[in-house]
Amino acid sequence: MSTETSENLVHFYDTDEHAILCGLRGFAHRSTKHSRGVTCPACVALLADRREAERHGDTHAAAESSVGA
């Protein structure tokens, strides 16, 4: 029964990293680059962490430091 559930999950495909966000590998998994269609709990949690980091400016600071280097 757990295999049915895992097959129905939709994962987030990170277009920058060219990989599924939760680290799942393989072509047999459903994924999307649109966050609102994601049903994988791990991907949803990682997306929330990203949004929180962006809200606090962590991504902006990282981008500034790489430009200055």
PDB file of N, CA and C in Angstrom:
ATOM      1  N   MET A   1       0.811  -1.195   0.000  1.00  0.00           N
ATOM      2  CA  MET A   1       0.000   0.000   0.000  1.00  0.00           C
ATOM      3  C   MET A   1       0.859   1.266   0.000  1.00  0.00           C
ATOM      4  N   SER A   2       2.014   1.243   0.652  1.00  0.00           N
ATOM      5  CA  SER A   2       2.870   2.425   0.669  1.00  0.00           C
ATOM      6  C   SER A   2       3.438   2.719  -0.719  1.00  0.00           C
ATOM      7  N   THR A   3       3.593   1.679  -1.562  1.00  0.00           N
ATOM      8  CA  THR A   3       4.089   1.936  -2.912  1.00  0.00           C
ATOM      9  C   THR A   3       3.066   2.697  -3.739  1.00  0.00           C
ATOM     10  N   GLU A   4       1.773   2.436  -3.504  1.00  0.00           N
ATOM     11  CA  GLU A   4       0.744   3.192  -4.209  1.00  0.00           C
ATOM     12  C   GLU A   4       0.819   4.663  -3.839  1.00  0.00           C
ATOM     13  N   THR A   5       1.006   4.932  -2.565  1.00  0.00           N
ATOM     14  CA  THR A   5       1.085   6.308  -2.095  1.00  0.00           C
ATOM     15  C   THR A   5       2.304   7.013  -2.678  1.00  0.00           C
ATOM     16  N   SER A   6       3.467   6.363  -2.660  1.00  0.00           N
ATOM     17  CA  SER A   6       4.677   7.009  -3.151  1.00  0.00           C
ATOM     18  C   SER A   6       4.604   7.247  -4.658  1.00  0.00           C
ATOM     19  N   GLU A   7       3.909   6.376  -5.402  1.00  0.00           N
ATOM     20  CA  GLU A   7       3.777   6.572  -6.838  1.00  0.00           C
ATOM     21  C   GLU A   7       2.874   7.757  -7.167  1.00  0.00           C
ATOM     22  N   ASN A   8       1.965   8.082  -6.283  1.00  0.00           N
ATOM     23  CA  ASN A   8       1.030   9.173  -6.535  1.00  0.00           C
ATOM     24  C   ASN A   8       1.568  10.534  -6.101  1.00  0.00           C
ATOM     25  N   LEU A   9       2.704  10.562  -5.440  1.00  0.00           N
ATOM     26  CA  LEU A   9       3.270  11.832  -4.996  1.00  0.00           C
ATOM     27  C   LEU A   9       3.794  12.631  -6.180  1.00  0.00           C
ATOM     28  N   VAL A  10       3.664  13.943  -6.071  1.00  0.00           N
ATOM     29  CA  VAL A  10       4.237  14.844  -7.064  1.00  0.00           C
ATOM     30  C   VAL A  10       5.348  15.604  -6.357  1.00  0.00           C
ATOM     31  N   HIS A  11       6.556  15.495  -6.893  1.00  0.00           N
ATOM     32  CA  HIS A  11       7.735  16.116  -6.305  1.00  0.00           C
ATOM     33  C   HIS A  11       8.038  17.442  -6.993  1.00  0.00           C
ATOM     34  N   PHE A  12       8.823  18.287  -6.322  1.00  0.00           N
ATOM     35  CA  PHE A  12       9.220  19.564  -6.908  1.00  0.00           C
ATOM     36  C   PHE A  12      10.515  19.381  -7.689  1.00  0.00           C
ATOM     37  N   TYR A  13      10.512  19.766  -8.949  1.00  0.00           N
ATOM     38  CA  TYR A  13      11.707  19.693  -9.784  1.00  0.00           C
ATOM     39  C   TYR A  13      12.394  21.056  -9.777  1.00  0.00           C
ATOM     40  N   ASP A  14      13.599  21.083  -9.237  1.00  0.00           N
ATOM     41  CA  ASP A  14      14.393  22.311  -9.153  1.00  0.00           C
ATOM     42  C   ASP A  14      15.098  22.528 -10.488  1.00  0.00           C
ATOM     43  N   THR A  15      14.678  23.547 -11.222  1.00  0.00           N
ATOM     44  CA  THR A  15      15.244  23.791 -12.545  1.00  0.00           C
ATOM     45  C   THR A  15      16.667  24.330 -12.488  1.00  0.00           C
ATOM     46  N   ASP A  16      17.065  24.910 -11.362  1.00  0.00           N
ATOM     47  CA  ASP A  16      18.446  25.378 -11.223  1.00  0.00           C
ATOM     48  C   ASP A  16      19.400  24.209 -10.998  1.00  0.00           C
ATOM     49  N   GLU A  17      18.989  23.272 -10.165  1.00  0.00           N
ATOM     50  CA  GLU A  17      19.822  22.111  -9.828  1.00  0.00           C
ATOM     51  C   GLU A  17      19.606  20.937 -10.788  1.00  0.00           C
ATOM     52  N   HIS A  18      18.546  20.996 -11.579  1.00  0.00           N
ATOM     53  CA  HIS A  18      18.179  19.906 -12.492  1.00  0.00           C
ATOM     54  C   HIS A  18      18.005  18.591 -11.735  1.00  0.00           C
ATOM     55  N   ALA A  19      17.251  18.665 -10.628  1.00  0.00           N
ATOM     56  CA  ALA A  19      17.010  17.492  -9.786  1.00  0.00           C
ATOM     57  C   ALA A  19      15.742  17.702  -8.973  1.00  0.00           C
ATOM     58  N   ILE A  20      15.193  16.604  -8.480  1.00  0.00           N
ATOM     59  CA  ILE A  20      14.047  16.683  -7.581  1.00  0.00           C
ATOM     60  C   ILE A  20      14.548  17.195  -6.234  1.00  0.00           C
ATOM     61  N   LEU A  21      13.838  18.127  -5.663  1.00  0.00           N
ATOM     62  CA  LEU A  21      14.286  18.842  -4.467  1.00  0.00           C
ATOM     63  C   LEU A  21      14.577  17.926  -3.281  1.00  0.00           C
ATOM     64  N   CYS A  22      13.767  16.904  -3.054  1.00  0.00           N
ATOM     65  CA  CYS A  22      13.965  16.037  -1.893  1.00  0.00           C
ATOM     66  C   CYS A  22      15.080  15.024  -2.107  1.00  0.00           C
ATOM     67  N   GLY A  23      15.703  15.026  -3.279  1.00  0.00           N
ATOM     68  CA  GLY A  23      16.834  14.143  -3.535  1.00  0.00           C
ATOM     69  C   GLY A  23      16.469  12.830  -4.198  1.00  0.00           C
ATOM     70  N   LEU A  24      15.208  12.599  -4.453  1.00  0.00           N
ATOM     71  CA  LEU A  24      14.767  11.370  -5.110  1.00  0.00           C
ATOM     72  C   LEU A  24      15.324  11.340  -6.525  1.00  0.00           C
ATOM     73  N   ARG A  25      15.780  10.192  -6.944  1.00  0.00           N
ATOM     74  CA  ARG A  25      16.368  10.060  -8.276  1.00  0.00           C
ATOM     75  C   ARG A  25      15.556   9.075  -9.119  1.00  0.00           C
ATOM     76  N   GLY A  26      15.616   9.242 -10.416  1.00  0.00           N
ATOM     77  CA  GLY A  26      14.958   8.325 -11.332  1.00  0.00           C
ATOM     78  C   GLY A  26      13.898   9.025 -12.156  1.00  0.00           C
ATOM     79  N   PHE A  27      13.597   8.416 -13.290  1.00  0.00           N
ATOM     80  CA  PHE A  27      12.649   9.019 -14.220  1.00  0.00           C
ATOM     81  C   PHE A  27      11.216   8.557 -13.982  1.00  0.00           C
ATOM     82  N   ALA A  28      11.021   7.589 -13.104  1.00  0.00           N
ATOM     83  CA  ALA A  28       9.692   7.022 -12.894  1.00  0.00           C
ATOM     84  C   ALA A  28       8.834   7.843 -11.933  1.00  0.00           C
ATOM     85  N   HIS A  29       9.362   8.930 -11.414  1.00  0.00           N
ATOM     86  CA  HIS A  29       8.645   9.730 -10.427  1.00  0.00           C
ATOM     87  C   HIS A  29       8.019  10.953 -11.081  1.00  0.00           C
ATOM     88  N   ARG A  30       6.847  11.316 -10.591  1.00  0.00           N
ATOM     89  CA  ARG A  30       6.164  12.506 -11.102  1.00  0.00           C
ATOM     90  C   ARG A  30       6.751  13.734 -10.428  1.00  0.00           C
ATOM     91  N   SER A  31       6.995  14.773 -11.205  1.00  0.00           N
ATOM     92  CA  SER A  31       7.512  16.011 -10.636  1.00  0.00           C
ATOM     93  C   SER A  31       6.967  17.199 -11.419  1.00  0.00           C
ATOM     94  N   THR A  32       7.074  18.361 -10.801  1.00  0.00           N
ATOM     95  CA  THR A  32       6.615  19.604 -11.428  1.00  0.00           C
ATOM     96  C   THR A  32       7.536  20.729 -10.993  1.00  0.00           C
ATOM     97  N   LYS A  33       7.620  21.755 -11.800  1.00  0.00           N
ATOM     98  CA  LYS A  33       8.394  22.932 -11.415  1.00  0.00           C
ATOM     99  C   LYS A  33       7.502  24.011 -10.816  1.00  0.00           C
ATOM    100  N   HIS A  34       6.231  23.697 -10.642  1.00  0.00           N
ATOM    101  CA  HIS A  34       5.273  24.635 -10.050  1.00  0.00           C
ATOM    102  C   HIS A  34       4.963  24.192  -8.627  1.00  0.00           C
ATOM    103  N   SER A  35       5.313  24.977  -7.664  1.00  0.00           N
ATOM    104  CA  SER A  35       5.232  24.571  -6.259  1.00  0.00           C
ATOM    105  C   SER A  35       3.816  24.263  -5.788  1.00  0.00           C
ATOM    106  N   ARG A  36       2.814  24.854  -6.381  1.00  0.00           N
ATOM    107  CA  ARG A  36       1.460  24.614  -5.878  1.00  0.00           C
ATOM    108  C   ARG A  36       0.946  23.206  -6.179  1.00  0.00           C
ATOM    109  N   GLY A  37       1.577  22.473  -7.104  1.00  0.00           N
ATOM    110  CA  GLY A  37       1.148  21.131  -7.442  1.00  0.00           C
ATOM    111  C   GLY A  37       1.894  20.036  -6.704  1.00  0.00           C
ATOM    112  N   VAL A  38       2.789  20.402  -5.793  1.00  0.00           N
ATOM    113  CA  VAL A  38       3.638  19.432  -5.094  1.00  0.00           C
ATOM    114  C   VAL A  38       2.859  18.760  -3.963  1.00  0.00           C
ATOM    115  N   THR A  39       2.962  17.419  -3.889  1.00  0.00           N
ATOM    116  CA  THR A  39       2.306  16.675  -2.815  1.00  0.00           C
ATOM    117  C   THR A  39       3.295  15.884  -1.965  1.00  0.00           C
ATOM    118  N   CYS A  40       4.565  15.850  -2.319  1.00  0.00           N
ATOM    119  CA  CYS A  40       5.589  15.151  -1.538  1.00  0.00           C
ATOM    120  C   CYS A  40       5.848  15.943  -0.255  1.00  0.00           C
ATOM    121  N   PRO A  41       5.655  15.334   0.921  1.00  0.00           N
ATOM    122  CA  PRO A  41       5.857  16.064   2.178  1.00  0.00           C
ATOM    123  C   PRO A  41       7.273  16.618   2.338  1.00  0.00           C
ATOM    124  N   ALA A  42       8.278  15.878   1.892  1.00  0.00           N
ATOM    125  CA  ALA A  42       9.667  16.347   2.013  1.00  0.00           C
ATOM    126  C   ALA A  42       9.905  17.565   1.119  1.00  0.00           C
ATOM    127  N   CYS A  43       9.404  17.518  -0.109  1.00  0.00           N
ATOM    128  CA  CYS A  43       9.558  18.656  -1.024  1.00  0.00           C
ATOM    129  C   CYS A  43       8.812  19.884  -0.499  1.00  0.00           C
ATOM    130  N   VAL A  44       7.612  19.673   0.032  1.00  0.00           N
ATOM    131  CA  VAL A  44       6.821  20.779   0.579  1.00  0.00           C
ATOM    132  C   VAL A  44       7.585  21.445   1.725  1.00  0.00           C
ATOM    133  N   ALA A  45       8.179  20.651   2.603  1.00  0.00           N
ATOM    134  CA  ALA A  45       8.940  21.204   3.734  1.00  0.00           C
ATOM    135  C   ALA A  45      10.168  21.968   3.248  1.00  0.00           C
ATOM    136  N   LEU A  46      10.864  21.429   2.259  1.00  0.00           N
ATOM    137  CA  LEU A  46      12.041  22.117   1.720  1.00  0.00           C
ATOM    138  C   LEU A  46      11.661  23.413   1.013  1.00  0.00           C
ATOM    139  N   LEU A  47      10.534  23.413   0.319  1.00  0.00           N
ATOM    140  CA  LEU A  47      10.060  24.646  -0.318  1.00  0.00           C
ATOM    141  C   LEU A  47       9.718  25.705   0.726  1.00  0.00           C
ATOM    142  N   ALA A  48       9.114  25.276   1.835  1.00  0.00           N
ATOM    143  CA  ALA A  48       8.781  26.212   2.914  1.00  0.00           C
ATOM    144  C   ALA A  48      10.056  26.796   3.514  1.00  0.00           C
ATOM    145  N   ASP A  49      11.079  25.973   3.681  1.00  0.00           N
ATOM    146  CA  ASP A  49      12.361  26.458   4.194  1.00  0.00           C
ATOM    147  C   ASP A  49      12.966  27.490   3.254  1.00  0.00           C
ATOM    148  N   ARG A  50      12.870  27.234   1.953  1.00  0.00           N
ATOM    149  CA  ARG A  50      13.394  28.197   0.968  1.00  0.00           C
ATOM    150  C   ARG A  50      12.660  29.524   1.049  1.00  0.00           C
ATOM    151  N   ARG A  51      11.333  29.443   1.133  1.00  0.00           N
ATOM    152  CA  ARG A  51      10.546  30.684   1.220  1.00  0.00           C
ATOM    153  C   ARG A  51      10.909  31.474   2.468  1.00  0.00           C
ATOM    154  N   GLU A  52      11.086  30.775   3.573  1.00  0.00           N
ATOM    155  CA  GLU A  52      11.450  31.435   4.827  1.00  0.00           C
ATOM    156  C   GLU A  52      12.829  32.098   4.703  1.00  0.00           C
ATOM    157  N   ALA A  53      13.775  31.416   4.083  1.00  0.00           N
ATOM    158  CA  ALA A  53      15.110  31.979   3.891  1.00  0.00           C
ATOM    159  C   ALA A  53      15.054  33.212   2.991  1.00  0.00           C
ATOM    160  N   GLU A  54      14.264  33.130   1.929  1.00  0.00           N
ATOM    161  CA  GLU A  54      14.116  34.287   1.038  1.00  0.00           C
ATOM    162  C   GLU A  54      13.469  35.454   1.756  1.00  0.00           C
ATOM    163  N   ARG A  55      12.502  35.151   2.611  1.00  0.00           N
ATOM    164  CA  ARG A  55      11.817  36.204   3.358  1.00  0.00           C
ATOM    165  C   ARG A  55      12.767  36.942   4.289  1.00  0.00           C
ATOM    166  N   HIS A  56      13.742  36.218   4.810  1.00  0.00           N
ATOM    167  CA  HIS A  56      14.701  36.827   5.729  1.00  0.00           C
ATOM    168  C   HIS A  56      15.928  37.373   5.001  1.00  0.00           C
ATOM    169  N   GLY A  57      15.936  37.265   3.685  1.00  0.00           N
ATOM    170  CA  GLY A  57      17.020  37.841   2.909  1.00  0.00           C
ATOM    171  C   GLY A  57      18.265  36.979   2.825  1.00  0.00           C
ATOM    172  N   ASP A  58      18.207  35.728   3.269  1.00  0.00           N
ATOM    173  CA  ASP A  58      19.378  34.858   3.244  1.00  0.00           C
ATOM    174  C   ASP A  58      19.859  34.625   1.813  1.00  0.00           C
ATOM    175  N   THR A  59      18.958  34.436   0.883  1.00  0.00           N
ATOM    176  CA  THR A  59      19.333  34.175  -0.495  1.00  0.00           C
ATOM    177  C   THR A  59      19.971  35.424  -1.110  1.00  0.00           C
ATOM    178  N   HIS A  60      19.421  36.579  -0.786  1.00  0.00           N
ATOM    179  CA  HIS A  60      19.945  37.831  -1.302  1.00  0.00           C
ATOM    180  C   HIS A  60      21.375  38.064  -0.801  1.00  0.00           C
ATOM    181  N   ALA A  61      21.604  37.784   0.461  1.00  0.00           N
ATOM    182  CA  ALA A  61      22.951  37.949   1.030  1.00  0.00           C
ATOM    183  C   ALA A  61      23.938  36.998   0.379  1.00  0.00           C
ATOM    184  N   ALA A  62      23.517  35.771   0.133  1.00  0.00           N
ATOM    185  CA  ALA A  62      24.385  34.794  -0.516  1.00  0.00           C
ATOM    186  C   ALA A  62      24.707  35.230  -1.936  1.00  0.00           C
ATOM    187  N   ALA A  63      23.725  35.763  -2.636  1.00  0.00           N
ATOM    188  CA  ALA A  63      23.947  36.224  -4.010  1.00  0.00           C
ATOM    189  C   ALA A  63      24.902  37.418  -4.031  1.00  0.00           C
ATOM    190  N   GLU A  64      24.772  38.329  -3.084  1.00  0.00           N
ATOM    191  CA  GLU A  64      25.663  39.486  -3.009  1.00  0.00           C
ATOM    192  C   GLU A  64      27.100  39.059  -2.744  1.00  0.00           C
ATOM    193  N   SER A  65      27.294  38.083  -1.862  1.00  0.00           N
ATOM    194  CA  SER A  65      28.644  37.660  -1.535  1.00  0.00           C
ATOM    195  C   SER A  65      29.312  36.953  -2.707  1.00  0.00           C
ATOM    196  N   SER A  66      28.555  36.242  -3.538  1.00  0.00           N
ATOM    197  CA  SER A  66      29.138  35.563  -4.689  1.00  0.00           C
ATOM    198  C   SER A  66      29.468  36.557  -5.799  1.00  0.00           C
ATOM    199  N   VAL A  67      28.711  37.658  -5.894  1.00  0.00           N
ATOM    200  CA  VAL A  67      28.989  38.684  -6.893  1.00  0.00           C
ATOM    201  C   VAL A  67      30.251  39.453  -6.533  1.00  0.00           C
ATOM    202  N   GLY A  68      30.434  39.721  -5.260  1.00  0.00           N
ATOM    203  CA  GLY A  68      31.587  40.489  -4.814  1.00  0.00           C
ATOM    204  C   GLY A  68      32.896  39.716  -4.868  1.00  0.00           C
ATOM    205  N   ALA A  69      32.811  38.400  -4.962  1.00  0.00           N
ATOM    206  CA  ALA A  69      34.018  37.566  -4.935  1.00  0.00           C
ATOM    207  C   ALA A  69      34.744  37.562  -6.243  1.00  0.00           C
TER     208      ALA A  69
END
